[in-house]
Amino acid sequence: MKTGFHFKSIAMRWLFKVYLIIVAAVVAIAIILSTMLVTLIFNSVQSQAVDYSQSFDALSSASKENFYDFAITLSDEFEYKNKLEVQVIDSTGAVLVSTTGFQPSDAVADEFSRAKATGSGFSVYRGKNSGGERIMAGTRIIYDSTGEAMGAYRWVTSLKAANKRINITVVIIVFVSIVVLGLCALSGLFFLNAIVSKLRDMGNTTRKIAGGDFEARIETESNDEIGELCASINHMASELQNAETMKNDFISSVSHELRTPLTAIRGWGETAKMSVGADEELVSRGLDVILSEADRLSGLVEDLLDFSRMQSGRMIVNNVMPTDVSELLSKVSDMYTELAVKQGIELSYTPPVQSSIVMSDRDRLKQVFINVIDNAVKYTEKGGLVLVAQTREEGCVRIVVKDTGVGIPAEDLDHVKEKFFKSNKTVRGSGIGLAVADEIIKQHQGLLFIESTEGVGTTVTIVLPLYEPEEEPQAAAEEIIEPLESEQQELPITENGDDELPQ
């Protein structure tokens, strides 16, 4: 067996329908998370710088004349010089003083103009300074009491530490994303390999089954859907094996059933031919045997035809009409009385006092009774008893055929109504009679039960719904008219012959 990941179409479907969606989702989450963290870090830097530089908001209390002196004082007293540079700008956008003590080389006029243009008087710049270092700068306009801009202060902080934090965070997010995608890919590959290997086993096993190896089985290692599928295939193989066994037994049985009458017909035919004109009694005897065996062959062919109709769903009851079960059962019992006597068996049937009428196809129902009574006689040994009884119950009639024959083993009892099944293969028969009988009874809306104990006997019970004809309208009308006529009063006759109406 080949090993490795030979996934073919299943892998491609998983790749495009599952894994690429996972990749897209992980990448989207990584981008969103990175963006949120970058924004959070920059906001944190800006918030911290604003807090550090709040002391320069006091410039708003200065006048134009002492604005510069005020700026010098605040710059000297600024306590966060090692963390933040703050520059004071005049009304023209020029830097007056810086907390670092050095004149900045960056042009700030543009930032001053942007801050003035905003409604809040505050703007933030993020970019590079003249030295190429990435910085963040915030400019806040200082207004006098008349609302005129006296100047501004601008804080500047390096983004070196912030960018380092951002880079580390992004690297961590990318690493985690790669690990997640790798784990998903690895688990997916192992999962696919487990499924595909099991599917490959299924394919190999089903090919063996298709080739006639019904003993091939798939090892079931789990109780999930794959395990259920494996169990179903194993069950199918078992059923096919049973069907194959029954088919072989059926072919063997039918071959034997066909060969015996054919041999008799051929032998007696040759004997009768040679005896024509010499021994008329032997000829007559031979013809009787030939006719009997021909009837036997005809019955076997009819069984096969019934089986074919049952398999194709074409077995239907025709000519349904009210049928007297007692009369039909009596005729079938009489058919087997002589055979039972020859075999030393007592066949007992006592017709009931009250007849039972059912709606049925008479020929089909007769076929069922023949099959059941024939089986009872066939499997009962000399000195045994076959009892045929009929009882009426509420809305139905129950026909019971009980014998004291060999019985049916308990393990075979659930299969006796299956096609081709024969519990005792030494007795003549095709093995499909009970299956056909059960189907016929079902089509008559009835039930067929079989109870048996090995070595004691078998009881076959057939239950059919009674036919209850609707009351004819004329009879119902007569029942209504009769009491009315009896209650009619006799009217007196007057002298002129008219009836005298009561006053």
Protein backbone atom coordinates (compact mmCIF):
# COMPACT_ATOMS: atom_id res chain seq x y z
CA MET A 1 0.00 0.00 0.00
CA LYS A 2 1.27 3.44 -0.83
CA THR A 3 2.06 5.78 2.02
CA GLY A 4 2.32 9.53 2.30
CA PHE A 5 0.00 12.39 1.59
CA HIS A 6 -1.64 11.57 -1.73
CA PHE A 7 -4.69 13.80 -1.28
CA LYS A 8 -5.61 14.67 -4.85
CA SER A 9 -8.99 16.38 -5.10
CA ILE A 10 -9.88 16.16 -1.40
CA ALA A 11 -6.72 18.07 -0.47
CA MET A 12 -7.39 20.72 -3.11
CA ARG A 13 -10.95 21.20 -1.86
CA TRP A 14 -9.67 21.48 1.69
CA LEU A 15 -6.95 23.93 0.57
CA PHE A 16 -9.28 26.27 -1.30
CA LYS A 17 -12.42 25.90 0.79
CA VAL A 18 -10.94 25.69 4.28
CA TYR A 19 -7.28 26.51 4.63
CA LEU A 20 -7.23 29.65 2.45
CA ILE A 21 -10.18 30.98 4.45
CA ILE A 22 -8.23 30.33 7.65
CA VAL A 23 -5.17 32.09 6.19
CA ALA A 24 -7.27 35.10 5.15
CA ALA A 25 -8.90 35.25 8.58
CA VAL A 26 -5.58 35.00 10.44
CA VAL A 27 -3.95 37.65 8.20
CA ALA A 28 -6.91 39.99 8.65
CA ILE A 29 -6.84 39.54 12.42
CA ALA A 30 -3.06 40.12 12.47
CA ILE A 31 -3.38 43.34 10.43
CA ILE A 32 -6.24 44.66 12.54
CA LEU A 33 -4.46 43.76 15.77
CA SER A 34 -1.18 45.32 14.59
CA THR A 35 -2.97 48.51 13.53
CA MET A 36 -4.76 48.75 16.85
CA LEU A 37 -1.54 48.21 18.82
CA VAL A 38 0.38 50.79 16.70
CA THR A 39 -2.39 53.32 17.22
CA LEU A 40 -2.47 52.54 20.94
CA ILE A 41 1.30 53.02 21.28
CA PHE A 42 1.29 56.34 19.38
CA ASN A 43 -1.69 57.57 21.38
CA SER A 44 0.13 56.61 24.57
CA VAL A 45 3.23 58.58 23.46
CA GLN A 46 1.10 61.61 22.53
CA SER A 47 -0.88 61.48 25.79
CA GLN A 48 2.31 61.29 27.83
CA ALA A 49 3.88 64.21 25.93
CA VAL A 50 0.76 66.33 26.45
CA ASP A 51 0.85 65.60 30.18
CA TYR A 52 4.55 66.54 30.41
CA SER A 53 4.09 69.80 28.54
CA GLN A 54 0.97 71.00 30.39
CA SER A 55 3.01 73.48 32.45
CA PHE A 56 3.45 75.63 29.32
CA ASP A 57 -0.30 76.27 29.22
CA ALA A 58 0.56 79.04 31.72
CA LEU A 59 1.81 81.16 28.75
CA SER A 60 -1.82 82.09 28.16
CA SER A 61 -1.65 84.33 31.27
CA ALA A 62 1.31 86.29 29.85
CA SER A 63 1.02 89.49 27.81
CA LYS A 64 2.69 90.23 24.52
CA GLU A 65 5.29 92.37 26.31
CA ASN A 66 6.42 89.71 28.79
CA PHE A 67 5.68 86.65 26.64
CA TYR A 68 9.37 86.02 26.01
CA ASP A 69 10.37 86.40 29.66
CA PHE A 70 7.57 84.10 30.68
CA ALA A 71 8.75 81.53 28.16
CA ILE A 72 12.32 81.71 29.52
CA THR A 73 11.09 81.17 33.05
CA LEU A 74 8.93 78.15 32.12
CA SER A 75 11.74 76.62 30.09
CA ASP A 76 14.17 76.91 32.99
CA GLU A 77 11.68 75.40 35.42
CA PHE A 78 10.60 72.50 33.10
CA GLU A 79 11.27 69.26 35.01
CA TYR A 80 10.98 66.76 32.11
CA LYS A 81 13.84 68.04 30.02
CA ASN A 82 15.40 64.57 29.78
CA LYS A 83 12.16 63.12 28.41
CA LEU A 84 10.72 65.86 26.22
CA GLU A 85 11.84 68.94 24.35
CA VAL A 86 9.49 71.92 24.45
CA GLN A 87 9.93 74.94 22.17
CA VAL A 88 8.19 78.31 22.57
CA ILE A 89 7.20 79.99 19.28
CA ASP A 90 6.32 83.62 18.68
CA SER A 91 3.39 84.87 16.61
CA THR A 92 5.42 84.69 13.39
CA GLY A 93 6.24 81.00 13.84
CA ALA A 94 9.87 81.50 14.89
CA VAL A 95 11.31 79.56 17.84
CA LEU A 96 12.03 81.89 20.80
CA VAL A 97 13.39 79.37 23.28
CA SER A 98 13.87 75.61 23.72
CA THR A 99 14.13 73.55 26.91
CA THR A 100 17.27 71.94 25.53
CA GLY A 101 19.07 75.31 25.41
CA PHE A 102 19.90 74.86 21.71
CA GLN A 103 18.35 76.61 18.77
CA PRO A 104 16.46 73.94 16.78
CA SER A 105 17.30 73.59 13.13
CA ASP A 106 13.86 72.33 12.12
CA ALA A 107 11.45 74.73 10.49
CA VAL A 108 8.29 74.90 12.56
CA ALA A 109 6.37 77.60 10.70
CA ASP A 110 4.33 75.03 8.80
CA GLU A 111 3.30 73.25 11.99
CA PHE A 112 2.44 76.62 13.56
CA SER A 113 0.20 77.43 10.57
CA ARG A 114 -1.53 74.04 10.71
CA ALA A 115 -2.23 74.46 14.42
CA LYS A 116 -3.74 77.91 13.84
CA ALA A 117 -5.89 76.50 11.04
CA THR A 118 -7.47 73.89 13.30
CA GLY A 119 -10.49 74.80 15.37
CA SER A 120 -8.89 73.49 18.54
CA GLY A 121 -5.58 75.31 18.07
CA PHE A 122 -3.67 72.05 18.35
CA SER A 123 -2.02 69.80 15.72
CA VAL A 124 0.26 66.79 15.79
CA TYR A 125 3.03 65.98 13.36
CA ARG A 126 4.61 62.55 12.97
CA GLY A 127 7.56 62.18 10.65
CA LYS A 128 11.31 62.81 10.52
CA ASN A 129 13.39 65.76 11.72
CA SER A 130 16.26 67.30 9.80
CA GLY A 131 18.60 64.64 11.17
CA GLY A 132 16.43 61.83 9.79
CA GLU A 133 15.19 60.72 13.19
CA ARG A 134 11.53 59.75 13.47
CA ILE A 135 9.74 62.11 15.84
CA MET A 136 6.31 63.11 17.05
CA ALA A 137 5.64 66.81 17.60
CA GLY A 138 2.59 68.63 18.94
CA THR A 139 1.93 72.37 18.53
CA ARG A 140 -0.57 74.27 20.72
CA ILE A 141 -1.51 77.93 20.02
CA ILE A 142 -1.48 80.43 22.90
CA TYR A 143 -4.23 83.06 22.66
CA ASP A 144 -4.52 86.38 24.58
CA SER A 145 -7.71 87.66 26.16
CA THR A 146 -8.90 89.09 22.83
CA GLY A 147 -8.51 85.73 21.10
CA GLU A 148 -5.43 86.76 19.10
CA ALA A 149 -2.56 84.29 18.82
CA MET A 150 0.42 85.51 20.85
CA GLY A 151 2.51 82.47 19.96
CA ALA A 152 2.61 78.74 20.68
CA TYR A 153 4.57 76.00 22.35
CA ARG A 154 5.68 72.85 20.55
CA TRP A 155 6.72 69.63 22.21
CA VAL A 156 8.96 67.13 20.40
CA THR A 157 9.66 63.52 21.36
CA SER A 158 11.63 60.76 19.67
CA LEU A 159 9.73 57.70 18.37
CA LYS A 160 12.74 55.44 18.60
CA ALA A 161 11.52 53.61 21.69
CA ALA A 162 7.95 53.56 20.43
CA ASN A 163 9.01 52.16 17.05
CA LYS A 164 11.04 49.50 18.82
CA ARG A 165 7.98 48.48 20.81
CA ILE A 166 5.92 48.47 17.62
CA ASN A 167 8.44 46.31 15.78
CA ILE A 168 8.59 43.80 18.63
CA THR A 169 4.78 43.69 18.81
CA VAL A 170 4.41 43.20 15.06
CA VAL A 171 7.06 40.47 15.08
CA ILE A 172 5.23 38.69 17.90
CA ILE A 173 1.91 38.96 16.04
CA VAL A 174 3.47 37.66 12.82
CA PHE A 175 5.16 34.82 14.68
CA VAL A 176 1.94 33.83 16.44
CA SER A 177 0.08 34.00 13.11
CA ILE A 178 2.66 31.75 11.43
CA VAL A 179 2.47 29.28 14.33
CA VAL A 180 -1.34 29.24 14.16
CA LEU A 181 -1.31 28.71 10.39
CA GLY A 182 1.35 26.04 10.73
CA LEU A 183 -0.62 24.18 13.39
CA CYS A 184 -3.78 24.44 11.27
CA ALA A 185 -1.92 23.13 8.23
CA LEU A 186 -0.30 20.31 10.21
CA SER A 187 -3.53 19.25 11.90
CA GLY A 188 -5.35 19.49 8.58
CA LEU A 189 -2.77 17.32 6.85
CA PHE A 190 -2.91 14.67 9.55
CA PHE A 191 -6.71 14.81 9.55
CA LEU A 192 -6.82 14.50 5.78
CA ASN A 193 -4.31 11.69 5.84
CA ALA A 194 -6.43 9.81 8.38
CA ILE A 195 -9.56 10.26 6.27
CA VAL A 196 -7.90 9.51 2.94
CA SER A 197 -6.12 6.43 4.26
CA LYS A 198 -9.42 5.13 5.60
CA LEU A 199 -11.15 5.98 2.31
CA ARG A 200 -8.35 4.15 0.49
CA ASP A 201 -8.97 1.11 2.70
CA MET A 202 -12.68 1.37 1.92
CA GLY A 203 -11.95 1.54 -1.79
CA ASN A 204 -9.68 -1.50 -1.66
CA THR A 205 -12.18 -3.46 0.42
CA THR A 206 -15.17 -2.57 -1.77
CA ARG A 207 -13.19 -3.62 -4.84
CA LYS A 208 -12.52 -6.97 -3.17
CA ILE A 209 -16.21 -7.29 -2.34
CA ALA A 210 -17.13 -6.40 -5.92
CA GLY A 211 -14.73 -9.11 -7.07
CA GLY A 212 -16.55 -11.72 -4.98
CA ASP A 213 -14.43 -11.70 -1.80
CA PHE A 214 -17.31 -11.26 0.68
CA GLU A 215 -15.08 -12.04 3.65
CA ALA A 216 -13.13 -8.78 3.22
CA ARG A 217 -13.68 -6.37 6.11
CA ILE A 218 -12.56 -2.86 7.10
CA GLU A 219 -11.04 -2.35 10.53
CA THR A 220 -13.24 0.08 12.49
CA GLU A 221 -11.21 2.20 14.90
CA SER A 222 -13.69 4.96 15.83
CA ASN A 223 -17.37 5.59 16.44
CA ASP A 224 -17.61 8.73 14.29
CA GLU A 225 -19.15 9.06 10.82
CA ILE A 226 -16.17 7.29 9.22
CA GLY A 227 -16.52 4.46 11.70
CA GLU A 228 -20.25 4.22 10.96
CA LEU A 229 -19.50 4.11 7.22
CA CYS A 230 -16.95 1.34 7.77
CA ALA A 231 -19.48 -0.57 9.87
CA SER A 232 -22.10 -0.12 7.13
CA ILE A 233 -19.72 -1.48 4.49
CA ASN A 234 -18.86 -4.43 6.74
CA HIS A 235 -22.58 -5.05 7.28
CA MET A 236 -23.15 -4.85 3.54
CA ALA A 237 -20.40 -7.41 2.98
CA SER A 238 -21.99 -9.71 5.58
CA GLU A 239 -25.39 -9.38 3.93
CA LEU A 240 -23.88 -10.02 0.50
CA GLN A 241 -22.07 -13.04 1.89
CA ASN A 242 -25.32 -14.36 3.35
CA ALA A 243 -27.13 -13.62 0.08
CA GLU A 244 -24.40 -15.40 -1.87
CA THR A 245 -24.63 -18.40 0.44
CA MET A 246 -28.41 -18.47 0.12
CA LYS A 247 -28.16 -18.05 -3.64
CA ASN A 248 -25.75 -20.97 -3.91
CA ASP A 249 -27.96 -23.07 -1.65
CA PHE A 250 -30.98 -22.02 -3.71
CA ILE A 251 -29.30 -22.95 -6.99
CA SER A 252 -28.26 -26.28 -5.54
CA SER A 253 -31.75 -26.90 -4.15
CA VAL A 254 -33.54 -25.84 -7.35
CA SER A 255 -31.14 -27.90 -9.44
CA HIS A 256 -31.97 -30.90 -7.31
CA GLU A 257 -35.69 -30.11 -7.44
CA LEU A 258 -35.55 -29.83 -11.23
CA ARG A 259 -33.35 -32.86 -11.78
CA THR A 260 -35.53 -35.27 -9.78
CA PRO A 261 -38.80 -34.74 -11.74
CA LEU A 262 -36.94 -34.44 -15.03
CA THR A 263 -35.22 -37.77 -14.38
CA ALA A 264 -38.57 -39.34 -13.50
CA ILE A 265 -40.25 -37.88 -16.57
CA ARG A 266 -37.45 -39.05 -18.86
CA GLY A 267 -37.28 -42.51 -17.33
CA TRP A 268 -41.02 -43.12 -17.33
CA GLY A 269 -41.33 -41.55 -20.78
CA GLU A 270 -38.85 -44.05 -22.20
CA THR A 271 -40.53 -46.88 -20.31
CA ALA A 272 -43.99 -45.89 -21.52
CA LYS A 273 -42.72 -45.57 -25.10
CA MET A 274 -41.28 -49.05 -25.07
CA SER A 275 -44.41 -50.47 -23.42
CA VAL A 276 -46.93 -49.03 -25.89
CA GLY A 277 -49.07 -51.91 -27.17
CA ALA A 278 -47.36 -54.39 -24.83
CA ASP A 279 -48.33 -53.29 -21.30
CA GLU A 280 -51.06 -50.66 -21.26
CA GLU A 281 -51.21 -50.66 -17.45
CA LEU A 282 -47.50 -49.76 -17.26
CA VAL A 283 -48.03 -47.04 -19.88
CA SER A 284 -50.91 -45.59 -17.87
CA ARG A 285 -48.85 -45.71 -14.69
CA GLY A 286 -45.94 -44.00 -16.41
CA LEU A 287 -48.16 -41.26 -17.79
CA ASP A 288 -49.57 -40.64 -14.31
CA VAL A 289 -46.04 -40.25 -12.95
CA ILE A 290 -45.11 -37.93 -15.84
CA LEU A 291 -48.18 -35.74 -15.24
CA SER A 292 -47.51 -35.65 -11.50
CA GLU A 293 -43.88 -34.66 -11.98
CA ALA A 294 -44.90 -32.07 -14.61
CA ASP A 295 -47.26 -30.54 -12.05
CA ARG A 296 -44.39 -30.48 -9.60
CA LEU A 297 -42.18 -28.70 -12.14
CA SER A 298 -45.00 -26.28 -12.90
CA GLY A 299 -45.30 -25.46 -9.20
CA LEU A 300 -41.58 -24.83 -8.94
CA VAL A 301 -41.66 -22.55 -11.99
CA GLU A 302 -44.61 -20.68 -10.47
CA ASP A 303 -42.58 -20.18 -7.28
CA LEU A 304 -39.74 -18.72 -9.31
CA LEU A 305 -42.11 -16.46 -11.23
CA ASP A 306 -43.69 -15.27 -7.97
CA PHE A 307 -40.25 -14.52 -6.60
CA SER A 308 -39.42 -12.52 -9.74
CA ARG A 309 -42.66 -10.56 -9.41
CA MET A 310 -41.98 -9.91 -5.73
CA GLN A 311 -38.46 -8.68 -6.45
CA SER A 312 -39.67 -6.30 -9.15
CA GLY A 313 -42.66 -5.08 -7.16
CA ARG A 314 -45.12 -6.55 -9.66
CA MET A 315 -46.72 -9.03 -7.27
CA ILE A 316 -50.20 -7.64 -6.76
CA VAL A 317 -53.50 -9.23 -5.80
CA ASN A 318 -56.15 -9.34 -8.54
CA ASN A 319 -59.83 -10.26 -8.67
CA VAL A 320 -60.40 -9.24 -5.07
CA MET A 321 -63.83 -10.44 -3.94
CA PRO A 322 -65.55 -11.74 -0.81
CA THR A 323 -64.09 -15.17 -0.01
CA ASP A 324 -65.26 -17.75 2.52
CA VAL A 325 -62.12 -18.68 4.42
CA SER A 326 -63.73 -21.80 5.90
CA GLU A 327 -64.62 -23.21 2.47
CA LEU A 328 -61.18 -22.42 1.00
CA LEU A 329 -59.32 -23.84 4.00
CA SER A 330 -61.45 -26.99 3.91
CA LYS A 331 -60.62 -27.61 0.23
CA VAL A 332 -56.88 -27.14 0.78
CA SER A 333 -56.96 -29.47 3.81
CA ASP A 334 -58.74 -32.13 1.74
CA MET A 335 -55.97 -31.82 -0.88
CA TYR A 336 -53.40 -32.99 1.69
CA THR A 337 -55.49 -35.56 3.56
CA GLU A 338 -54.45 -38.44 1.34
CA LEU A 339 -50.77 -37.40 1.36
CA ALA A 340 -50.84 -37.17 5.16
CA VAL A 341 -52.33 -40.66 5.43
CA LYS A 342 -49.61 -42.06 3.15
CA GLN A 343 -46.93 -40.50 5.38
CA GLY A 344 -48.60 -41.77 8.55
CA ILE A 345 -49.57 -38.28 9.67
CA GLU A 346 -52.90 -37.19 11.11
CA LEU A 347 -54.25 -34.00 9.46
CA SER A 348 -57.12 -32.52 11.44
CA TYR A 349 -59.41 -29.67 10.39
CA THR A 350 -62.83 -28.98 11.87
CA PRO A 351 -64.82 -26.31 10.00
CA PRO A 352 -66.14 -23.58 12.33
CA VAL A 353 -69.85 -23.11 12.96
CA GLN A 354 -69.81 -19.54 11.68
CA SER A 355 -68.20 -18.77 8.33
CA SER A 356 -65.67 -15.95 7.95
CA ILE A 357 -65.70 -13.75 4.87
CA VAL A 358 -62.61 -11.79 3.80
CA MET A 359 -61.85 -9.65 0.77
CA SER A 360 -59.12 -11.50 -1.10
CA ASP A 361 -57.68 -12.77 -4.32
CA ARG A 362 -58.96 -16.33 -3.94
CA ASP A 363 -56.15 -17.95 -5.94
CA ARG A 364 -53.43 -16.10 -4.05
CA LEU A 365 -54.95 -16.87 -0.65
CA LYS A 366 -55.27 -20.52 -1.66
CA GLN A 367 -51.58 -20.45 -2.63
CA VAL A 368 -50.70 -19.28 0.89
CA PHE A 369 -52.78 -22.01 2.57
CA ILE A 370 -51.24 -24.63 0.29
CA ASN A 371 -47.72 -23.45 1.10
CA VAL A 372 -48.26 -23.39 4.87
CA ILE A 373 -50.06 -26.78 5.08
CA ASP A 374 -47.57 -28.36 2.65
CA ASN A 375 -44.68 -27.22 4.87
CA ALA A 376 -46.43 -28.61 7.96
CA VAL A 377 -46.94 -32.02 6.30
CA LYS A 378 -43.48 -32.01 4.76
CA TYR A 379 -41.65 -31.38 8.05
CA THR A 380 -43.76 -33.68 10.24
CA GLU A 381 -42.51 -37.21 10.72
CA LYS A 382 -44.55 -40.40 10.79
CA GLY A 383 -46.98 -40.54 13.68
CA GLY A 384 -47.12 -36.78 13.96
CA LEU A 385 -50.10 -34.42 13.95
CA VAL A 386 -50.97 -31.40 11.79
CA LEU A 387 -53.78 -29.31 13.25
CA VAL A 388 -55.57 -26.69 11.14
CA ALA A 389 -57.85 -24.34 13.08
CA GLN A 390 -59.83 -21.20 12.38
CA THR A 391 -61.28 -18.71 14.88
CA ARG A 392 -63.07 -15.38 14.63
CA GLU A 393 -61.93 -12.44 16.68
CA GLU A 394 -62.97 -8.82 16.80
CA GLY A 395 -62.78 -7.61 13.20
CA CYS A 396 -60.53 -10.41 12.00
CA VAL A 397 -60.16 -14.12 11.41
CA ARG A 398 -57.21 -16.15 12.72
CA ILE A 399 -55.98 -19.23 10.85
CA VAL A 400 -53.57 -21.47 12.76
CA VAL A 401 -51.59 -24.36 11.26
CA LYS A 402 -49.78 -26.28 14.00
CA ASP A 403 -47.59 -29.34 13.53
CA THR A 404 -45.51 -31.64 15.71
CA GLY A 405 -42.65 -31.69 13.23
CA VAL A 406 -38.92 -31.18 13.56
CA GLY A 407 -39.28 -27.47 14.39
CA ILE A 408 -36.97 -24.62 13.52
CA PRO A 409 -33.72 -23.78 15.36
CA ALA A 410 -33.94 -20.55 17.34
CA GLU A 411 -31.10 -18.95 15.35
CA ASP A 412 -32.99 -19.60 12.09
CA LEU A 413 -36.43 -18.47 13.21
CA ASP A 414 -35.88 -14.81 12.26
CA HIS A 415 -34.80 -15.79 8.75
CA VAL A 416 -37.41 -18.34 7.67
CA LYS A 417 -39.43 -15.70 5.79
CA GLU A 418 -36.37 -14.50 3.88
CA LYS A 419 -36.05 -15.49 0.24
CA PHE A 420 -33.88 -18.54 -0.54
CA PHE A 421 -33.58 -19.44 3.16
CA LYS A 422 -34.03 -23.11 4.10
CA SER A 423 -33.51 -24.19 7.69
CA ASN A 424 -33.58 -27.89 6.75
CA LYS A 425 -31.80 -28.37 3.44
CA THR A 426 -32.57 -32.10 3.29
CA VAL A 427 -36.27 -31.49 2.60
CA ARG A 428 -37.55 -30.65 -0.87
CA GLY A 429 -38.48 -27.06 -1.66
CA SER A 430 -37.11 -23.89 -3.23
CA GLY A 431 -36.91 -21.86 -0.01
CA ILE A 432 -39.00 -18.97 -1.32
CA GLY A 433 -42.51 -20.20 -0.53
CA LEU A 434 -42.80 -18.48 2.87
CA ALA A 435 -41.35 -15.25 1.52
CA VAL A 436 -44.00 -15.21 -1.21
CA ALA A 437 -46.74 -16.18 1.27
CA ASP A 438 -45.75 -13.40 3.64
CA GLU A 439 -45.84 -10.87 0.77
CA ILE A 440 -49.31 -12.06 -0.32
CA ILE A 441 -50.68 -11.77 3.23
CA LYS A 442 -49.23 -8.27 3.56
CA GLN A 443 -51.01 -7.27 0.35
CA HIS A 444 -54.24 -8.51 1.94
CA GLN A 445 -53.61 -6.16 4.89
CA GLY A 446 -52.92 -9.17 7.10
CA LEU A 447 -50.12 -10.63 9.19
CA LEU A 448 -48.21 -13.92 9.16
CA PHE A 449 -46.46 -15.11 12.33
CA ILE A 450 -44.21 -18.14 12.84
CA GLU A 451 -43.47 -19.69 16.24
CA SER A 452 -41.36 -22.80 16.57
CA THR A 453 -39.36 -24.90 19.00
CA GLU A 454 -36.78 -27.29 17.63
CA GLY A 455 -37.84 -30.90 18.15
CA VAL A 456 -41.34 -29.87 19.30
CA GLY A 457 -43.07 -28.34 16.29
CA THR A 458 -44.04 -25.18 14.45
CA THR A 459 -47.09 -22.94 14.58
CA VAL A 460 -47.96 -20.63 11.69
CA THR A 461 -50.61 -17.99 12.39
CA ILE A 462 -52.32 -15.95 9.68
CA VAL A 463 -54.53 -12.98 10.63
CA LEU A 464 -56.84 -11.41 8.02
CA PRO A 465 -59.37 -8.58 8.38
CA LEU A 466 -63.01 -9.67 8.12
CA TYR A 467 -65.21 -8.33 5.35
CA GLU A 468 -68.24 -6.49 6.73
CA PRO A 469 -70.65 -5.61 3.92
CA GLU A 470 -72.55 -2.37 4.18
CA GLU A 471 -76.29 -2.66 4.82
CA GLU A 472 -78.25 -2.42 1.58
CA PRO A 473 -80.54 0.66 1.35
CA GLN A 474 -83.64 -1.40 0.38
CA ALA A 475 -83.31 -3.68 3.38
CA ALA A 476 -82.83 -0.69 5.64
CA ALA A 477 -85.96 0.95 4.16
CA GLU A 478 -87.99 -2.21 4.75
CA GLU A 479 -86.91 -2.24 8.38
CA ILE A 480 -88.21 1.31 8.72
CA ILE A 481 -91.47 0.77 6.79
CA GLU A 482 -92.54 -2.39 8.67
CA PRO A 483 -93.01 -0.73 12.07
CA LEU A 484 -94.84 2.17 10.42
CA GLU A 485 -97.31 -0.24 8.78
CA SER A 486 -97.92 -2.03 12.06
CA GLU A 487 -98.67 1.22 13.83
CA GLN A 488 -101.09 2.53 11.12
CA GLN A 489 -104.64 2.96 12.48
CA GLU A 490 -107.59 1.33 10.65
CA LEU A 491 -109.88 4.12 9.51
CA PRO A 492 -113.73 3.62 9.58
CA ILE A 493 -115.66 3.61 6.24
CA THR A 494 -118.61 6.03 5.75
CA GLU A 495 -121.81 5.28 3.89
CA ASN A 496 -120.50 6.86 0.69
CA GLY A 497 -117.39 4.77 0.82
CA ASP A 498 -115.00 7.51 1.93
CA ASP A 499 -112.72 7.08 4.85
CA GLU A 500 -113.97 8.90 7.88
CA LEU A 501 -111.33 11.17 9.15
CA PRO A 502 -111.03 11.41 12.91
CA GLN A 503 -112.34 14.67 14.38
